[in-house]
Amino acid sequence: MWDLLIWGGAVLTAVGLAGIVWCIVAVARAKRSALDDGAMRDTMQRVVAINMGALAASMLGLMAVVLGIMLGR
């Protein structure tokens, strides 16, 4: 049972990390394309929302891993 919590947390952490990497790439692409202020603001608002979700997913996944390790002993 605890193995499932550990592996599920690891998958959730990996999904969160992939979301963070996507945010970095999206912002770099937006900066390179030299958008006007309105378009850049819209892009950044969308990326910030996704970034916060990715950070939350990563944090919850790491918490699940630690909890599974601590309770599984």
C-alpha atoms as a PDB file:
ATOM      1  CA  MET A   1       0.000   0.000   0.000  1.00  0.00           C
ATOM      2  CA  TRP A   2       2.747   2.443   0.898  1.00  0.00           C
ATOM      3  CA  ASP A   3       4.546   1.620  -2.343  1.00  0.00           C
ATOM      4  CA  LEU A   4       1.506   2.877  -4.224  1.00  0.00           C
ATOM      5  CA  LEU A   5       1.636   6.153  -2.302  1.00  0.00           C
ATOM      6  CA  ILE A   6       5.347   6.522  -3.039  1.00  0.00           C
ATOM      7  CA  TRP A   7       5.017   5.768  -6.762  1.00  0.00           C
ATOM      8  CA  GLY A   8       1.890   7.893  -7.133  1.00  0.00           C
ATOM      9  CA  GLY A   9       3.698  10.782  -5.445  1.00  0.00           C
ATOM     10  CA  ALA A  10       6.679  10.294  -7.740  1.00  0.00           C
ATOM     11  CA  VAL A  11       4.424  10.442 -10.805  1.00  0.00           C
ATOM     12  CA  LEU A  12       2.684  13.562  -9.493  1.00  0.00           C
ATOM     13  CA  THR A  13       6.071  15.182  -8.838  1.00  0.00           C
ATOM     14  CA  ALA A  14       7.225  14.335 -12.370  1.00  0.00           C
ATOM     15  CA  VAL A  15       4.051  15.862 -13.838  1.00  0.00           C
ATOM     16  CA  GLY A  16       4.629  19.012 -11.786  1.00  0.00           C
ATOM     17  CA  LEU A  17       8.241  19.201 -12.917  1.00  0.00           C
ATOM     18  CA  ALA A  18       7.171  18.820 -16.545  1.00  0.00           C
ATOM     19  CA  GLY A  19       4.727  21.693 -16.038  1.00  0.00           C
ATOM     20  CA  ILE A  20       7.480  23.885 -14.605  1.00  0.00           C
ATOM     21  CA  VAL A  21       9.748  23.106 -17.570  1.00  0.00           C
ATOM     22  CA  TRP A  22       6.873  23.924 -19.942  1.00  0.00           C
ATOM     23  CA  CYS A  23       6.436  27.291 -18.199  1.00  0.00           C
ATOM     24  CA  ILE A  24      10.129  28.102 -18.630  1.00  0.00           C
ATOM     25  CA  VAL A  25       9.989  27.234 -22.320  1.00  0.00           C
ATOM     26  CA  ALA A  26       6.765  29.207 -22.865  1.00  0.00           C
ATOM     27  CA  VAL A  27       8.180  32.349 -21.237  1.00  0.00           C
ATOM     28  CA  ALA A  28      11.450  32.074 -23.176  1.00  0.00           C
ATOM     29  CA  ARG A  29       9.491  31.676 -26.417  1.00  0.00           C
ATOM     30  CA  ALA A  30       7.300  34.686 -25.578  1.00  0.00           C
ATOM     31  CA  LYS A  31      10.330  36.861 -24.805  1.00  0.00           C
ATOM     32  CA  ARG A  32      12.011  35.865 -28.050  1.00  0.00           C
ATOM     33  CA  SER A  33       8.956  36.682 -30.148  1.00  0.00           C
ATOM     34  CA  ALA A  34       8.907  40.302 -28.851  1.00  0.00           C
ATOM     35  CA  LEU A  35       5.155  40.539 -28.262  1.00  0.00           C
ATOM     36  CA  ASP A  36       3.441  43.814 -27.490  1.00  0.00           C
ATOM     37  CA  ASP A  37       2.556  44.612 -23.864  1.00  0.00           C
ATOM     38  CA  GLY A  38      -1.012  43.300 -23.992  1.00  0.00           C
ATOM     39  CA  ALA A  39      -0.087  39.982 -25.575  1.00  0.00           C
ATOM     40  CA  MET A  40       2.864  39.537 -23.229  1.00  0.00           C
ATOM     41  CA  ARG A  41       0.626  40.257 -20.222  1.00  0.00           C
ATOM     42  CA  ASP A  42      -1.934  37.664 -21.389  1.00  0.00           C
ATOM     43  CA  THR A  43       0.793  35.089 -21.971  1.00  0.00           C
ATOM     44  CA  MET A  44       2.371  35.718 -18.581  1.00  0.00           C
ATOM     45  CA  GLN A  45      -0.980  35.501 -16.746  1.00  0.00           C
ATOM     46  CA  ARG A  46      -1.656  32.119 -18.333  1.00  0.00           C
ATOM     47  CA  VAL A  47       1.854  30.863 -17.603  1.00  0.00           C
ATOM     48  CA  VAL A  48       1.772  32.058 -13.980  1.00  0.00           C
ATOM     49  CA  ALA A  49      -1.484  30.188 -13.370  1.00  0.00           C
ATOM     50  CA  ILE A  50      -0.075  26.990 -14.864  1.00  0.00           C
ATOM     51  CA  ASN A  51       3.179  27.482 -12.949  1.00  0.00           C
ATOM     52  CA  MET A  52       1.338  27.747  -9.626  1.00  0.00           C
ATOM     53  CA  GLY A  53      -0.576  24.555 -10.396  1.00  0.00           C
ATOM     54  CA  ALA A  54       2.617  22.757 -11.384  1.00  0.00           C
ATOM     55  CA  LEU A  55       4.352  23.870  -8.193  1.00  0.00           C
ATOM     56  CA  ALA A  56       1.391  22.682  -6.128  1.00  0.00           C
ATOM     57  CA  ALA A  57       1.362  19.311  -7.887  1.00  0.00           C
ATOM     58  CA  SER A  58       5.080  18.894  -7.363  1.00  0.00           C
ATOM     59  CA  MET A  59       4.805  19.821  -3.685  1.00  0.00           C
ATOM     60  CA  LEU A  60       1.908  17.427  -3.080  1.00  0.00           C
ATOM     61  CA  GLY A  61       3.760  14.653  -4.871  1.00  0.00           C
ATOM     62  CA  LEU A  62       6.871  15.149  -2.785  1.00  0.00           C
ATOM     63  CA  MET A  63       4.754  15.182   0.364  1.00  0.00           C
ATOM     64  CA  ALA A  64       3.170  11.887  -0.667  1.00  0.00           C
ATOM     65  CA  VAL A  65       6.593  10.345  -1.283  1.00  0.00           C
ATOM     66  CA  VAL A  66       7.917  11.438   2.096  1.00  0.00           C
ATOM     67  CA  LEU A  67       4.740  10.295   3.840  1.00  0.00           C
ATOM     68  CA  GLY A  68       4.902   6.908   2.118  1.00  0.00           C
ATOM     69  CA  ILE A  69       8.535   6.462   3.098  1.00  0.00           C
ATOM     70  CA  MET A  70       7.966   7.492   6.716  1.00  0.00           C
ATOM     71  CA  LEU A  71       4.845   5.371   7.248  1.00  0.00           C
ATOM     72  CA  GLY A  72       6.083   2.423   5.230  1.00  0.00           C
ATOM     73  CA  ARG A  73       8.939   1.632   7.611  1.00  0.00           C
END
